[in-house]
Each structure stands twice: as C-alpha cells, then as structure tokens.
Amino acid sequence: MIIINEDLCKGCHLCLFMCYKNVYAISSEANKKGVQLPYTNFEDRCTGCGVCELICPDQAITVDVNTNWWVGKEDNSFNPKFTNGKK
C-alpha cells in the first residue's frame, strides 16, 4: 500500500512525525547515502489518508491510489464529486 522511493528520500522523517497511526519506523541501517530511511513497520494500521504522501518534501512516498477516497471506485479515475459536501 505504501511505497517509499529510497533514491528520493533524504531522511527528514516528516512522514514518521505526521502519521497519526504510527505506521512508520526508522531503519537502524543507513542506505548508500548514509541516511536512515523510514519504513512501514505497521502497514496494517494505515488508513490510506495520504498525509505522508502530501507532507513529503521530496515526493518519495506513494500511497496506493486504488484505496484513496478521491479516486472513483468503478473505473479508478479521478472522482469529481469528492469536494461535494452534504446538502
């Protein structure tokens, strides 16, 4: 459900601090750039809200589009009614 591009991530850990479900943890090993990357430790807790994807300054996180609320259910297209509030 959550994809972290290790080549783009600089290890700021904003995703870790912003996730209210505590999905992320910090790796104990550094990558080739010397950065301790976040990883999804408790992916089953993820609600697919997309906060981590939006907060990432390097666009290194992708939350599975098929589960996001702004995507149409039938054909996986953008849902134009997502902004419509209750009348």
N, C-alpha and C. Protein backbone atom coordinates (compact mmCIF):
# COMPACT_ATOMS: atom_id res chain seq x y z
N MET A 1 0.82 -1.19 0.00
CA MET A 1 0.00 0.00 0.00
C MET A 1 0.87 1.26 0.00
N ILE A 2 1.96 1.29 0.76
CA ILE A 2 2.83 2.45 0.83
C ILE A 2 4.16 2.13 0.15
N ILE A 3 4.57 2.99 -0.76
CA ILE A 3 5.83 2.80 -1.47
C ILE A 3 6.74 3.98 -1.15
N ILE A 4 7.95 3.68 -0.67
CA ILE A 4 8.93 4.72 -0.39
C ILE A 4 10.07 4.57 -1.38
N ASN A 5 10.30 5.61 -2.16
CA ASN A 5 11.39 5.60 -3.13
C ASN A 5 12.68 5.97 -2.39
N GLU A 6 13.54 5.00 -2.18
CA GLU A 6 14.76 5.20 -1.41
C GLU A 6 15.73 6.15 -2.09
N ASP A 7 15.65 6.28 -3.40
CA ASP A 7 16.53 7.19 -4.12
C ASP A 7 16.13 8.66 -3.92
N LEU A 8 14.86 8.90 -3.67
CA LEU A 8 14.38 10.27 -3.48
C LEU A 8 14.38 10.71 -2.01
N CYS A 9 14.21 9.78 -1.11
CA CYS A 9 14.09 10.11 0.31
C CYS A 9 15.41 10.63 0.87
N LYS A 10 15.33 11.76 1.59
CA LYS A 10 16.53 12.32 2.22
C LYS A 10 16.56 12.07 3.72
N GLY A 11 15.54 11.38 4.24
CA GLY A 11 15.55 11.02 5.65
C GLY A 11 15.11 12.12 6.60
N CYS A 12 14.21 12.99 6.18
CA CYS A 12 13.75 14.07 7.07
C CYS A 12 12.79 13.55 8.14
N HIS A 13 12.18 12.40 7.88
CA HIS A 13 11.27 11.72 8.80
C HIS A 13 9.99 12.49 9.10
N LEU A 14 9.61 13.41 8.21
CA LEU A 14 8.33 14.09 8.39
C LEU A 14 7.17 13.11 8.34
N CYS A 15 7.29 12.09 7.53
CA CYS A 15 6.24 11.08 7.44
C CYS A 15 6.04 10.39 8.80
N LEU A 16 7.13 10.12 9.47
CA LEU A 16 7.09 9.47 10.77
C LEU A 16 6.37 10.34 11.78
N PHE A 17 6.68 11.63 11.78
CA PHE A 17 6.11 12.55 12.76
C PHE A 17 4.67 12.93 12.45
N MET A 18 4.28 12.93 11.17
CA MET A 18 2.93 13.35 10.78
C MET A 18 1.91 12.23 10.78
N CYS A 19 2.34 10.99 10.74
CA CYS A 19 1.40 9.87 10.68
C CYS A 19 0.75 9.66 12.05
N TYR A 20 -0.55 9.87 12.11
CA TYR A 20 -1.26 9.74 13.38
C TYR A 20 -1.54 8.28 13.75
N LYS A 21 -1.28 7.37 12.85
CA LYS A 21 -1.47 5.94 13.12
C LYS A 21 -0.14 5.24 13.44
N ASN A 22 0.95 6.00 13.47
CA ASN A 22 2.28 5.45 13.77
C ASN A 22 2.65 4.26 12.89
N VAL A 23 2.48 4.45 11.60
CA VAL A 23 2.77 3.41 10.62
C VAL A 23 4.27 3.24 10.40
N TYR A 24 5.01 4.33 10.50
CA TYR A 24 6.43 4.33 10.14
C TYR A 24 7.36 4.11 11.32
N ALA A 25 8.53 3.59 11.00
CA ALA A 25 9.64 3.48 11.94
C ALA A 25 10.91 3.85 11.18
N ILE A 26 11.99 4.09 11.92
CA ILE A 26 13.26 4.46 11.30
C ILE A 26 14.16 3.25 11.24
N SER A 27 14.73 3.01 10.08
CA SER A 27 15.64 1.88 9.89
C SER A 27 16.90 2.07 10.73
N SER A 28 17.40 0.99 11.26
CA SER A 28 18.63 1.06 12.05
C SER A 28 19.87 1.10 11.15
N GLU A 29 19.70 0.76 9.89
CA GLU A 29 20.82 0.77 8.94
C GLU A 29 20.69 1.95 7.98
N ALA A 30 21.82 2.52 7.63
CA ALA A 30 21.84 3.64 6.69
C ALA A 30 21.92 3.10 5.25
N ASN A 31 21.35 3.88 4.33
CA ASN A 31 21.43 3.50 2.92
C ASN A 31 22.77 3.96 2.34
N LYS A 32 22.92 3.90 1.02
CA LYS A 32 24.20 4.25 0.39
C LYS A 32 24.54 5.73 0.53
N LYS A 33 23.53 6.57 0.83
CA LYS A 33 23.76 7.99 1.05
C LYS A 33 24.06 8.31 2.52
N GLY A 34 24.00 7.29 3.36
CA GLY A 34 24.23 7.50 4.78
C GLY A 34 23.00 7.96 5.54
N VAL A 35 21.83 7.74 4.96
CA VAL A 35 20.57 8.20 5.54
C VAL A 35 19.82 7.01 6.14
N GLN A 36 19.30 7.21 7.34
CA GLN A 36 18.44 6.20 7.95
C GLN A 36 17.02 6.45 7.47
N LEU A 37 16.57 5.60 6.59
CA LEU A 37 15.28 5.79 5.93
C LEU A 37 14.13 5.30 6.80
N PRO A 38 12.95 5.90 6.60
CA PRO A 38 11.76 5.36 7.25
C PRO A 38 11.31 4.10 6.51
N TYR A 39 10.59 3.26 7.20
CA TYR A 39 9.97 2.10 6.56
C TYR A 39 8.62 1.87 7.23
N THR A 40 7.76 1.14 6.55
CA THR A 40 6.43 0.89 7.10
C THR A 40 6.49 -0.31 8.02
N ASN A 41 6.44 -0.02 9.31
CA ASN A 41 6.52 -1.06 10.32
C ASN A 41 5.16 -1.66 10.62
N PHE A 42 4.12 -0.84 10.56
CA PHE A 42 2.76 -1.30 10.86
C PHE A 42 1.82 -0.89 9.74
N GLU A 43 2.04 -1.44 8.55
CA GLU A 43 1.25 -1.05 7.39
C GLU A 43 -0.23 -1.40 7.56
N ASP A 44 -0.54 -2.38 8.39
CA ASP A 44 -1.94 -2.74 8.61
C ASP A 44 -2.71 -1.64 9.32
N ARG A 45 -2.03 -0.72 9.97
CA ARG A 45 -2.67 0.42 10.64
C ARG A 45 -3.04 1.53 9.66
N CYS A 46 -2.44 1.53 8.50
CA CYS A 46 -2.61 2.61 7.53
C CYS A 46 -4.05 2.72 7.07
N THR A 47 -4.58 3.95 7.09
CA THR A 47 -5.93 4.20 6.62
C THR A 47 -5.97 4.70 5.18
N GLY A 48 -4.79 4.95 4.61
CA GLY A 48 -4.73 5.46 3.24
C GLY A 48 -5.08 6.93 3.14
N CYS A 49 -4.92 7.69 4.23
CA CYS A 49 -5.29 9.11 4.23
C CYS A 49 -4.42 9.94 3.30
N GLY A 50 -3.17 9.54 3.10
CA GLY A 50 -2.28 10.24 2.19
C GLY A 50 -1.52 11.41 2.78
N VAL A 51 -1.60 11.61 4.11
CA VAL A 51 -0.89 12.71 4.74
C VAL A 51 0.62 12.59 4.51
N CYS A 52 1.14 11.40 4.63
CA CYS A 52 2.58 11.19 4.44
C CYS A 52 3.00 11.54 3.02
N GLU A 53 2.17 11.19 2.07
CA GLU A 53 2.46 11.49 0.66
C GLU A 53 2.45 13.00 0.42
N LEU A 54 1.52 13.70 1.03
CA LEU A 54 1.42 15.14 0.84
C LEU A 54 2.52 15.91 1.57
N ILE A 55 2.93 15.43 2.73
CA ILE A 55 3.92 16.14 3.54
C ILE A 55 5.34 15.91 3.08
N CYS A 56 5.59 14.86 2.34
CA CYS A 56 6.95 14.53 1.91
C CYS A 56 7.50 15.59 0.96
N PRO A 57 8.56 16.30 1.38
CA PRO A 57 9.09 17.37 0.52
C PRO A 57 9.80 16.86 -0.74
N ASP A 58 10.15 15.59 -0.75
CA ASP A 58 10.86 15.03 -1.90
C ASP A 58 9.98 14.15 -2.78
N GLN A 59 8.70 14.07 -2.47
CA GLN A 59 7.74 13.23 -3.20
C GLN A 59 8.23 11.80 -3.30
N ALA A 60 8.78 11.31 -2.19
CA ALA A 60 9.34 9.96 -2.16
C ALA A 60 8.33 8.91 -1.75
N ILE A 61 7.16 9.34 -1.29
CA ILE A 61 6.15 8.39 -0.79
C ILE A 61 4.96 8.37 -1.72
N THR A 62 4.50 7.18 -2.03
CA THR A 62 3.28 6.99 -2.79
C THR A 62 2.36 6.07 -2.00
N VAL A 63 1.15 6.54 -1.73
CA VAL A 63 0.15 5.71 -1.10
C VAL A 63 -0.70 5.14 -2.22
N ASP A 64 -0.99 3.86 -2.17
CA ASP A 64 -1.71 3.16 -3.23
C ASP A 64 -2.96 3.92 -3.64
N VAL A 65 -2.98 4.38 -4.88
CA VAL A 65 -4.07 5.21 -5.39
C VAL A 65 -5.41 4.47 -5.37
N ASN A 66 -5.40 3.18 -5.55
CA ASN A 66 -6.66 2.43 -5.62
C ASN A 66 -7.47 2.51 -4.34
N THR A 67 -6.84 2.82 -3.21
CA THR A 67 -7.57 2.85 -1.95
C THR A 67 -7.91 4.26 -1.49
N ASN A 68 -7.49 5.28 -2.22
CA ASN A 68 -7.74 6.66 -1.79
C ASN A 68 -9.17 7.08 -2.09
N TRP A 69 -9.72 7.92 -1.23
CA TRP A 69 -11.12 8.32 -1.31
C TRP A 69 -11.42 9.24 -2.48
N TRP A 70 -10.42 9.91 -3.04
CA TRP A 70 -10.69 10.83 -4.13
C TRP A 70 -10.68 10.15 -5.50
N VAL A 71 -10.52 8.84 -5.52
CA VAL A 71 -10.49 8.09 -6.77
C VAL A 71 -11.84 7.40 -6.95
N GLY A 72 -12.39 7.47 -8.17
CA GLY A 72 -13.65 6.80 -8.47
C GLY A 72 -13.52 5.30 -8.29
N LYS A 73 -14.55 4.68 -7.76
CA LYS A 73 -14.49 3.25 -7.43
C LYS A 73 -14.64 2.34 -8.65
N GLU A 74 -15.43 2.75 -9.62
CA GLU A 74 -15.72 1.87 -10.75
C GLU A 74 -14.55 1.74 -11.72
N ASP A 75 -14.03 2.87 -12.16
CA ASP A 75 -13.01 2.82 -13.21
C ASP A 75 -11.66 3.39 -12.77
N ASN A 76 -11.48 3.60 -11.46
CA ASN A 76 -10.20 4.06 -10.91
C ASN A 76 -9.78 5.43 -11.43
N SER A 77 -10.76 6.26 -11.83
CA SER A 77 -10.48 7.60 -12.32
C SER A 77 -10.69 8.63 -11.21
N PHE A 78 -10.30 9.86 -11.48
CA PHE A 78 -10.48 10.93 -10.52
C PHE A 78 -11.97 11.12 -10.26
N ASN A 79 -12.35 11.24 -9.00
CA ASN A 79 -13.74 11.39 -8.63
C ASN A 79 -14.07 12.88 -8.51
N PRO A 80 -14.81 13.45 -9.47
CA PRO A 80 -15.10 14.89 -9.43
C PRO A 80 -16.03 15.30 -8.30
N LYS A 81 -16.69 14.36 -7.67
CA LYS A 81 -17.64 14.66 -6.60
C LYS A 81 -17.01 14.65 -5.21
N PHE A 82 -15.70 14.51 -5.12
CA PHE A 82 -15.07 14.38 -3.82
C PHE A 82 -15.16 15.67 -3.01
N THR A 83 -15.39 16.82 -3.66
CA THR A 83 -15.47 18.08 -2.92
C THR A 83 -16.89 18.41 -2.52
N ASN A 84 -17.85 17.67 -3.01
CA ASN A 84 -19.24 17.97 -2.69
C ASN A 84 -19.54 17.62 -1.24
N GLY A 85 -19.94 18.63 -0.48
CA GLY A 85 -20.31 18.41 0.90
C GLY A 85 -21.76 18.00 1.02
N LYS A 86 -22.20 17.80 2.26
CA LYS A 86 -23.60 17.47 2.49
C LYS A 86 -24.48 18.67 2.18
N LYS A 87 -25.61 18.39 1.59
CA LYS A 87 -26.55 19.47 1.24
C LYS A 87 -27.64 19.58 2.26
